[in-house]
Structures are given as structure tokens and as C-alpha cells.
Amino acid sequence: MAAFAPVTDADLARARKDAAFRQKLLEQNLETLLARVKKLRNSAPPAQSVGARQMREAIELAVRLAEMIQGAPKANASRSNGAV
């Protein structure tokens, strides 16, 4: 698993101007996120633990990143009513 490299202000500025760079940045962050979710899943946290909550949050973020990569609309009916 690659070490997490925070996105800098310069990266964000470049991503606003360069669609290919933005795509690459999103894909790299999605890969990192999915690797960490896999690591959490393999540790099998109890259903109500902090780890389980973090896994749910990571999965929601992964879905949002995937939607951004694919150019999907930001709003989603299941997300607006709080369903997971």
C-alpha cells in the first residue's frame, strides 16, 4: 500500500486547470482509499466499533470519488435520505 501523500494547494490549483491531472489525482486517491478499506476489512472490526464506522465512511468516500472519476452527477437519491 502506498503511503498517503496529502494533496497540496498547488495540486488543487493544477487540477482545476488540467483535466487529465485531475483525473489522475482522483484515481490515485481512490486506489489509496480502497487499499485502506481492504486493510480495515481484513482486520474484521466488530459491527459497532470505531473501525466499522471508519470503514463505512471510507466506502462512502470511495463511491463519491468513483462518481467524480466517471463524471457522474454529485447528487444521489440514496445519499440525500441518509441511506447507505
PDB file of N, CA and C in Angstrom:
ATOM      1  N   MET A   1       0.848  -1.166   0.000  1.00  0.00           N
ATOM      2  CA  MET A   1       0.000   0.000   0.000  1.00  0.00           C
ATOM      3  C   MET A   1       0.896   1.232   0.000  1.00  0.00           C
ATOM      4  N   ALA A   2       0.607   2.155  -0.892  1.00  0.00           N
ATOM      5  CA  ALA A   2       1.387   3.385  -0.989  1.00  0.00           C
ATOM      6  C   ALA A   2       1.106   4.283   0.212  1.00  0.00           C
ATOM      7  N   ALA A   3       2.117   5.015   0.612  1.00  0.00           N
ATOM      8  CA  ALA A   3       1.946   5.955   1.704  1.00  0.00           C
ATOM      9  C   ALA A   3       1.042   7.088   1.244  1.00  0.00           C
ATOM     10  N   PHE A   4       0.259   7.620   2.170  1.00  0.00           N
ATOM     11  CA  PHE A   4      -0.649   8.707   1.842  1.00  0.00           C
ATOM     12  C   PHE A   4       0.138   9.991   1.619  1.00  0.00           C
ATOM     13  N   ALA A   5      -0.098  10.637   0.510  1.00  0.00           N
ATOM     14  CA  ALA A   5       0.539  11.914   0.203  1.00  0.00           C
ATOM     15  C   ALA A   5      -0.562  12.964   0.128  1.00  0.00           C
ATOM     16  N   PRO A   6      -0.627  13.864   1.107  1.00  0.00           N
ATOM     17  CA  PRO A   6      -1.693  14.874   1.110  1.00  0.00           C
ATOM     18  C   PRO A   6      -1.668  15.708  -0.172  1.00  0.00           C
ATOM     19  N   VAL A   7      -2.835  16.134  -0.596  1.00  0.00           N
ATOM     20  CA  VAL A   7      -2.957  16.991  -1.766  1.00  0.00           C
ATOM     21  C   VAL A   7      -2.592  18.412  -1.347  1.00  0.00           C
ATOM     22  N   THR A   8      -1.717  19.021  -2.119  1.00  0.00           N
ATOM     23  CA  THR A   8      -1.262  20.374  -1.803  1.00  0.00           C
ATOM     24  C   THR A   8      -2.133  21.408  -2.507  1.00  0.00           C
ATOM     25  N   ASP A   9      -1.982  22.661  -2.091  1.00  0.00           N
ATOM     26  CA  ASP A   9      -2.690  23.751  -2.765  1.00  0.00           C
ATOM     27  C   ASP A   9      -2.277  23.835  -4.231  1.00  0.00           C
ATOM     28  N   ALA A  10      -1.012  23.575  -4.504  1.00  0.00           N
ATOM     29  CA  ALA A  10      -0.526  23.594  -5.893  1.00  0.00           C
ATOM     30  C   ALA A  10      -1.194  22.484  -6.707  1.00  0.00           C
ATOM     31  N   ASP A  11      -1.370  21.302  -6.103  1.00  0.00           N
ATOM     32  CA  ASP A  11      -2.056  20.208  -6.779  1.00  0.00           C
ATOM     33  C   ASP A  11      -3.498  20.596  -7.106  1.00  0.00           C
ATOM     34  N   LEU A  12      -4.173  21.218  -6.146  1.00  0.00           N
ATOM     35  CA  LEU A  12      -5.556  21.622  -6.364  1.00  0.00           C
ATOM     36  C   LEU A  12      -5.659  22.669  -7.468  1.00  0.00           C
ATOM     37  N   ALA A  13      -4.745  23.627  -7.462  1.00  0.00           N
ATOM     38  CA  ALA A  13      -4.743  24.656  -8.499  1.00  0.00           C
ATOM     39  C   ALA A  13      -4.526  24.027  -9.875  1.00  0.00           C
ATOM     40  N   ARG A  14      -3.601  23.094  -9.954  1.00  0.00           N
ATOM     41  CA  ARG A  14      -3.330  22.426 -11.237  1.00  0.00           C
ATOM     42  C   ARG A  14      -4.527  21.579 -11.673  1.00  0.00           C
ATOM     43  N   ALA A  15      -5.157  20.901 -10.714  1.00  0.00           N
ATOM     44  CA  ALA A  15      -6.307  20.051 -11.025  1.00  0.00           C
ATOM     45  C   ALA A  15      -7.476  20.863 -11.576  1.00  0.00           C
ATOM     46  N   ARG A  16      -7.614  22.106 -11.118  1.00  0.00           N
ATOM     47  CA  ARG A  16      -8.683  22.964 -11.629  1.00  0.00           C
ATOM     48  C   ARG A  16      -8.475  23.311 -13.098  1.00  0.00           C
ATOM     49  N   LYS A  17      -7.220  23.352 -13.528  1.00  0.00           N
ATOM     50  CA  LYS A  17      -6.892  23.770 -14.890  1.00  0.00           C
ATOM     51  C   LYS A  17      -6.636  22.598 -15.836  1.00  0.00           C
ATOM     52  N   ASP A  18      -6.222  21.462 -15.298  1.00  0.00           N
ATOM     53  CA  ASP A  18      -5.769  20.331 -16.109  1.00  0.00           C
ATOM     54  C   ASP A  18      -6.642  19.105 -15.826  1.00  0.00           C
ATOM     55  N   ALA A  19      -7.562  18.806 -16.731  1.00  0.00           N
ATOM     56  CA  ALA A  19      -8.497  17.692 -16.529  1.00  0.00           C
ATOM     57  C   ALA A  19      -7.788  16.349 -16.404  1.00  0.00           C
ATOM     58  N   ALA A  20      -6.736  16.143 -17.176  1.00  0.00           N
ATOM     59  CA  ALA A  20      -6.004  14.869 -17.110  1.00  0.00           C
ATOM     60  C   ALA A  20      -5.336  14.705 -15.746  1.00  0.00           C
ATOM     61  N   PHE A  21      -4.760  15.775 -15.230  1.00  0.00           N
ATOM     62  CA  PHE A  21      -4.130  15.725 -13.911  1.00  0.00           C
ATOM     63  C   PHE A  21      -5.187  15.482 -12.834  1.00  0.00           C
ATOM     64  N   ARG A  22      -6.344  16.147 -12.960  1.00  0.00           N
ATOM     65  CA  ARG A  22      -7.433  15.965 -12.000  1.00  0.00           C
ATOM     66  C   ARG A  22      -7.864  14.518 -11.980  1.00  0.00           C
ATOM     67  N   GLN A  23      -8.016  13.915 -13.157  1.00  0.00           N
ATOM     68  CA  GLN A  23      -8.410  12.507 -13.271  1.00  0.00           C
ATOM     69  C   GLN A  23      -7.380  11.605 -12.578  1.00  0.00           C
ATOM     70  N   LYS A  24      -6.109  11.862 -12.850  1.00  0.00           N
ATOM     71  CA  LYS A  24      -5.039  11.054 -12.254  1.00  0.00           C
ATOM     72  C   LYS A  24      -5.044  11.194 -10.734  1.00  0.00           C
ATOM     73  N   LEU A  25      -5.218  12.409 -10.244  1.00  0.00           N
ATOM     74  CA  LEU A  25      -5.241  12.671  -8.804  1.00  0.00           C
ATOM     75  C   LEU A  25      -6.400  11.932  -8.141  1.00  0.00           C
ATOM     76  N   LEU A  26      -7.576  11.987  -8.755  1.00  0.00           N
ATOM     77  CA  LEU A  26      -8.734  11.273  -8.222  1.00  0.00           C
ATOM     78  C   LEU A  26      -8.494   9.770  -8.206  1.00  0.00           C
ATOM     79  N   GLU A  27      -7.947   9.239  -9.294  1.00  0.00           N
ATOM     80  CA  GLU A  27      -7.699   7.799  -9.373  1.00  0.00           C
ATOM     81  C   GLU A  27      -6.685   7.338  -8.327  1.00  0.00           C
ATOM     82  N   GLN A  28      -5.629   8.122  -8.139  1.00  0.00           N
ATOM     83  CA  GLN A  28      -4.618   7.749  -7.145  1.00  0.00           C
ATOM     84  C   GLN A  28      -5.214   7.746  -5.740  1.00  0.00           C
ATOM     85  N   ASN A  29      -6.018   8.752  -5.439  1.00  0.00           N
ATOM     86  CA  ASN A  29      -6.619   8.817  -4.113  1.00  0.00           C
ATOM     87  C   ASN A  29      -7.644   7.718  -3.911  1.00  0.00           C
ATOM     88  N   LEU A  30      -8.366   7.358  -4.954  1.00  0.00           N
ATOM     89  CA  LEU A  30      -9.316   6.253  -4.852  1.00  0.00           C
ATOM     90  C   LEU A  30      -8.577   4.939  -4.595  1.00  0.00           C
ATOM     91  N   GLU A  31      -7.484   4.703  -5.295  1.00  0.00           N
ATOM     92  CA  GLU A  31      -6.698   3.480  -5.082  1.00  0.00           C
ATOM     93  C   GLU A  31      -6.182   3.401  -3.647  1.00  0.00           C
ATOM     94  N   THR A  32      -5.680   4.508  -3.128  1.00  0.00           N
ATOM     95  CA  THR A  32      -5.182   4.544  -1.751  1.00  0.00           C
ATOM     96  C   THR A  32      -6.314   4.261  -0.769  1.00  0.00           C
ATOM     97  N   LEU A  33      -7.462   4.900  -0.994  1.00  0.00           N
ATOM     98  CA  LEU A  33      -8.612   4.708  -0.119  1.00  0.00           C
ATOM     99  C   LEU A  33      -9.084   3.260  -0.133  1.00  0.00           C
ATOM    100  N   LEU A  34      -9.174   2.674  -1.319  1.00  0.00           N
ATOM    101  CA  LEU A  34      -9.625   1.285  -1.408  1.00  0.00           C
ATOM    102  C   LEU A  34      -8.644   0.319  -0.739  1.00  0.00           C
ATOM    103  N   ALA A  35      -7.361   0.598  -0.848  1.00  0.00           N
ATOM    104  CA  ALA A  35      -6.366  -0.248  -0.176  1.00  0.00           C
ATOM    105  C   ALA A  35      -6.538  -0.183   1.335  1.00  0.00           C
ATOM    106  N   ARG A  36      -6.828   0.999   1.837  1.00  0.00           N
ATOM    107  CA  ARG A  36      -7.032   1.129   3.287  1.00  0.00           C
ATOM    108  C   ARG A  36      -8.333   0.481   3.742  1.00  0.00           C
ATOM    109  N   VAL A  37      -9.370   0.568   2.917  1.00  0.00           N
ATOM    110  CA  VAL A  37     -10.629  -0.109   3.240  1.00  0.00           C
ATOM    111  C   VAL A  37     -10.396  -1.616   3.296  1.00  0.00           C
ATOM    112  N   LYS A  38      -9.629  -2.126   2.341  1.00  0.00           N
ATOM    113  CA  LYS A  38      -9.323  -3.560   2.330  1.00  0.00           C
ATOM    114  C   LYS A  38      -8.590  -3.959   3.608  1.00  0.00           C
ATOM    115  N   LYS A  39      -7.647  -3.124   4.030  1.00  0.00           N
ATOM    116  CA  LYS A  39      -6.901  -3.412   5.262  1.00  0.00           C
ATOM    117  C   LYS A  39      -7.845  -3.419   6.459  1.00  0.00           C
ATOM    118  N   LEU A  40      -8.763  -2.451   6.530  1.00  0.00           N
ATOM    119  CA  LEU A  40      -9.745  -2.417   7.618  1.00  0.00           C
ATOM    120  C   LEU A  40     -10.644  -3.649   7.578  1.00  0.00           C
ATOM    121  N   ARG A  41     -11.082  -4.011   6.374  1.00  0.00           N
ATOM    122  CA  ARG A  41     -11.965  -5.171   6.226  1.00  0.00           C
ATOM    123  C   ARG A  41     -11.285  -6.443   6.706  1.00  0.00           C
ATOM    124  N   ASN A  42     -10.008  -6.591   6.388  1.00  0.00           N
ATOM    125  CA  ASN A  42      -9.269  -7.781   6.791  1.00  0.00           C
ATOM    126  C   ASN A  42      -9.067  -7.863   8.295  1.00  0.00           C
ATOM    127  N   SER A  43      -9.120  -6.724   8.976  1.00  0.00           N
ATOM    128  CA  SER A  43      -8.973  -6.752  10.431  1.00  0.00           C
ATOM    129  C   SER A  43     -10.301  -7.076  11.104  1.00  0.00           C
ATOM    130  N   ALA A  44     -11.403  -7.152  10.330  1.00  0.00           N
ATOM    131  CA  ALA A  44     -12.737  -7.550  10.790  1.00  0.00           C
ATOM    132  C   ALA A  44     -13.150  -6.885  12.094  1.00  0.00           C
ATOM    133  N   PRO A  45     -13.380  -5.573  12.084  1.00  0.00           N
ATOM    134  CA  PRO A  45     -13.814  -4.898  13.307  1.00  0.00           C
ATOM    135  C   PRO A  45     -15.244  -5.289  13.676  1.00  0.00           C
ATOM    136  N   PRO A  46     -15.579  -5.285  14.968  1.00  0.00           N
ATOM    137  CA  PRO A  46     -16.965  -5.542  15.374  1.00  0.00           C
ATOM    138  C   PRO A  46     -17.896  -4.523  14.710  1.00  0.00           C
ATOM    139  N   ALA A  47     -19.151  -4.895  14.504  1.00  0.00           N
ATOM    140  CA  ALA A  47     -20.100  -4.072  13.741  1.00  0.00           C
ATOM    141  C   ALA A  47     -20.271  -2.655  14.283  1.00  0.00           C
ATOM    142  N   GLN A  48     -20.161  -2.453  15.577  1.00  0.00           N
ATOM    143  CA  GLN A  48     -20.395  -1.123  16.149  1.00  0.00           C
ATOM    144  C   GLN A  48     -19.109  -0.404  16.553  1.00  0.00           C
ATOM    145  N   SER A  49     -17.971  -0.892  16.132  1.00  0.00           N
ATOM    146  CA  SER A  49     -16.700  -0.302  16.545  1.00  0.00           C
ATOM    147  C   SER A  49     -16.373   0.957  15.754  1.00  0.00           C
ATOM    148  N   VAL A  50     -15.379   1.686  16.237  1.00  0.00           N
ATOM    149  CA  VAL A  50     -14.876   2.866  15.533  1.00  0.00           C
ATOM    150  C   VAL A  50     -14.358   2.455  14.162  1.00  0.00           C
ATOM    151  N   GLY A  51     -13.694   1.308  14.074  1.00  0.00           N
ATOM    152  CA  GLY A  51     -13.171   0.826  12.801  1.00  0.00           C
ATOM    153  C   GLY A  51     -14.282   0.578  11.791  1.00  0.00           C
ATOM    154  N   ALA A  52     -15.403   0.044  12.249  1.00  0.00           N
ATOM    155  CA  ALA A  52     -16.535  -0.203  11.351  1.00  0.00           C
ATOM    156  C   ALA A  52     -17.112   1.112  10.846  1.00  0.00           C
ATOM    157  N   ARG A  53     -17.205   2.097  11.707  1.00  0.00           N
ATOM    158  CA  ARG A  53     -17.702   3.417  11.301  1.00  0.00           C
ATOM    159  C   ARG A  53     -16.762   4.041  10.280  1.00  0.00           C
ATOM    160  N   GLN A  54     -15.471   3.919  10.544  1.00  0.00           N
ATOM    161  CA  GLN A  54     -14.489   4.460   9.609  1.00  0.00           C
ATOM    162  C   GLN A  54     -14.564   3.756   8.259  1.00  0.00           C
ATOM    163  N   MET A  55     -14.824   2.449   8.291  1.00  0.00           N
ATOM    164  CA  MET A  55     -14.931   1.706   7.042  1.00  0.00           C
ATOM    165  C   MET A  55     -16.137   2.200   6.247  1.00  0.00           C
ATOM    166  N   ARG A  56     -17.268   2.411   6.907  1.00  0.00           N
ATOM    167  CA  ARG A  56     -18.448   2.923   6.204  1.00  0.00           C
ATOM    168  C   ARG A  56     -18.164   4.294   5.589  1.00  0.00           C
ATOM    169  N   GLU A  57     -17.499   5.164   6.348  1.00  0.00           N
ATOM    170  CA  GLU A  57     -17.154   6.493   5.831  1.00  0.00           C
ATOM    171  C   GLU A  57     -16.208   6.385   4.637  1.00  0.00           C
ATOM    172  N   ALA A  58     -15.248   5.479   4.726  1.00  0.00           N
ATOM    173  CA  ALA A  58     -14.294   5.294   3.627  1.00  0.00           C
ATOM    174  C   ALA A  58     -14.998   4.779   2.376  1.00  0.00           C
ATOM    175  N   ILE A  59     -15.942   3.894   2.558  1.00  0.00           N
ATOM    176  CA  ILE A  59     -16.673   3.355   1.413  1.00  0.00           C
ATOM    177  C   ILE A  59     -17.518   4.454   0.767  1.00  0.00           C
ATOM    178  N   GLU A  60     -18.166   5.275   1.576  1.00  0.00           N
ATOM    179  CA  GLU A  60     -18.931   6.388   1.024  1.00  0.00           C
ATOM    180  C   GLU A  60     -18.028   7.334   0.234  1.00  0.00           C
ATOM    181  N   LEU A  61     -16.863   7.614   0.765  1.00  0.00           N
ATOM    182  CA  LEU A  61     -15.912   8.486   0.075  1.00  0.00           C
ATOM    183  C   LEU A  61     -15.427   7.835  -1.221  1.00  0.00           C
ATOM    184  N   ALA A  62     -15.183   6.536  -1.181  1.00  0.00           N
ATOM    185  CA  ALA A  62     -14.737   5.824  -2.384  1.00  0.00           C
ATOM    186  C   ALA A  62     -15.797   5.910  -3.483  1.00  0.00           C
ATOM    187  N   VAL A  63     -17.053   5.782  -3.103  1.00  0.00           N
ATOM    188  CA  VAL A  63     -18.133   5.880  -4.084  1.00  0.00           C
ATOM    189  C   VAL A  63     -18.171   7.282  -4.677  1.00  0.00           C
ATOM    190  N   ARG A  64     -18.034   8.290  -3.838  1.00  0.00           N
ATOM    191  CA  ARG A  64     -18.028   9.670  -4.342  1.00  0.00           C
ATOM    192  C   ARG A  64     -16.858   9.907  -5.292  1.00  0.00           C
ATOM    193  N   LEU A  65     -15.682   9.412  -4.933  1.00  0.00           N
ATOM    194  CA  LEU A  65     -14.522   9.564  -5.812  1.00  0.00           C
ATOM    195  C   LEU A  65     -14.748   8.851  -7.144  1.00  0.00           C
ATOM    196  N   ALA A  66     -15.298   7.654  -7.079  1.00  0.00           N
ATOM    197  CA  ALA A  66     -15.567   6.905  -8.310  1.00  0.00           C
ATOM    198  C   ALA A  66     -16.556   7.664  -9.191  1.00  0.00           C
ATOM    199  N   GLU A  67     -17.575   8.266  -8.571  1.00  0.00           N
ATOM    200  CA  GLU A  67     -18.535   9.057  -9.335  1.00  0.00           C
ATOM    201  C   GLU A  67     -17.859  10.255  -9.989  1.00  0.00           C
ATOM    202  N   MET A  68     -16.956  10.898  -9.264  1.00  0.00           N
ATOM    203  CA  MET A  68     -16.240  12.043  -9.822  1.00  0.00           C
ATOM    204  C   MET A  68     -15.380  11.603 -11.003  1.00  0.00           C
ATOM    205  N   ILE A  69     -14.710  10.478 -10.861  1.00  0.00           N
ATOM    206  CA  ILE A  69     -13.862   9.967 -11.930  1.00  0.00           C
ATOM    207  C   ILE A  69     -14.705   9.663 -13.169  1.00  0.00           C
ATOM    208  N   GLN A  70     -15.883   9.115 -12.951  1.00  0.00           N
ATOM    209  CA  GLN A  70     -16.745   8.738 -14.068  1.00  0.00           C
ATOM    210  C   GLN A  70     -17.581   9.906 -14.577  1.00  0.00           C
ATOM    211  N   GLY A  71     -17.546  11.038 -13.876  1.00  0.00           N
ATOM    212  CA  GLY A  71     -18.327  12.193 -14.290  1.00  0.00           C
ATOM    213  C   GLY A  71     -19.797  12.077 -13.938  1.00  0.00           C
ATOM    214  N   ALA A  72     -20.105  11.274 -12.921  1.00  0.00           N
ATOM    215  CA  ALA A  72     -21.488  11.083 -12.502  1.00  0.00           C
ATOM    216  C   ALA A  72     -21.986  12.331 -11.769  1.00  0.00           C
ATOM    217  N   PRO A  73     -23.302  12.541 -11.744  1.00  0.00           N
ATOM    218  CA  PRO A  73     -23.865  13.675 -11.004  1.00  0.00           C
ATOM    219  C   PRO A  73     -23.516  13.599  -9.522  1.00  0.00           C
ATOM    220  N   LYS A  74     -23.363  14.744  -8.880  1.00  0.00           N
ATOM    221  CA  LYS A  74     -22.990  14.786  -7.464  1.00  0.00           C
ATOM    222  C   LYS A  74     -24.116  14.294  -6.570  1.00  0.00           C
ATOM    223  N   ALA A  75     -25.345  14.657  -6.857  1.00  0.00           N
ATOM    224  CA  ALA A  75     -26.464  14.286  -6.000  1.00  0.00           C
ATOM    225  C   ALA A  75     -26.901  12.862  -6.296  1.00  0.00           C
ATOM    226  N   ASN A  76     -27.267  12.162  -5.234  1.00  0.00           N
ATOM    227  CA  ASN A  76     -27.739  10.794  -5.366  1.00  0.00           C
ATOM    228  C   ASN A  76     -28.895  10.633  -4.397  1.00  0.00           C
ATOM    229  N   ALA A  77     -30.006  10.088  -4.834  1.00  0.00           N
ATOM    230  CA  ALA A  77     -31.179   9.976  -4.005  1.00  0.00           C
ATOM    231  C   ALA A  77     -30.914   9.214  -2.722  1.00  0.00           C
ATOM    232  N   SER A  78     -30.155   8.118  -2.791  1.00  0.00           N
ATOM    233  CA  SER A  78     -29.894   7.331  -1.581  1.00  0.00           C
ATOM    234  C   SER A  78     -29.032   8.100  -0.595  1.00  0.00           C
ATOM    235  N   ARG A  79     -28.158   8.971  -1.079  1.00  0.00           N
ATOM    236  CA  ARG A  79     -27.313   9.740  -0.188  1.00  0.00           C
ATOM    237  C   ARG A  79     -28.104  10.876   0.456  1.00  0.00           C
ATOM    238  N   SER A  80     -29.070  11.446  -0.266  1.00  0.00           N
ATOM    239  CA  SER A  80     -29.817  12.567   0.261  1.00  0.00           C
ATOM    240  C   SER A  80     -30.759  12.167   1.380  1.00  0.00           C
ATOM    241  N   ASN A  81     -31.185  10.893   1.415  1.00  0.00           N
ATOM    242  CA  ASN A  81     -32.051  10.464   2.506  1.00  0.00           C
ATOM    243  C   ASN A  81     -31.280   9.773   3.621  1.00  0.00           C
ATOM    244  N   GLY A  82     -29.963   9.733   3.519  1.00  0.00           N
ATOM    245  CA  GLY A  82     -29.142   9.173   4.575  1.00  0.00           C
ATOM    246  C   GLY A  82     -28.927   7.681   4.487  1.00  0.00           C
ATOM    247  N   ALA A  83     -29.468   7.028   3.463  1.00  0.00           N
ATOM    248  CA  ALA A  83     -29.291   5.583   3.320  1.00  0.00           C
ATOM    249  C   ALA A  83     -27.883   5.269   2.892  1.00  0.00           C
ATOM    250  N   VAL A  84     -27.395   4.093   3.290  1.00  0.00           N
ATOM    251  CA  VAL A  84     -26.056   3.653   2.903  1.00  0.00           C
ATOM    252  C   VAL A  84     -26.148   2.484   1.991  1.00  0.00           C
TER     253      VAL A  84
END
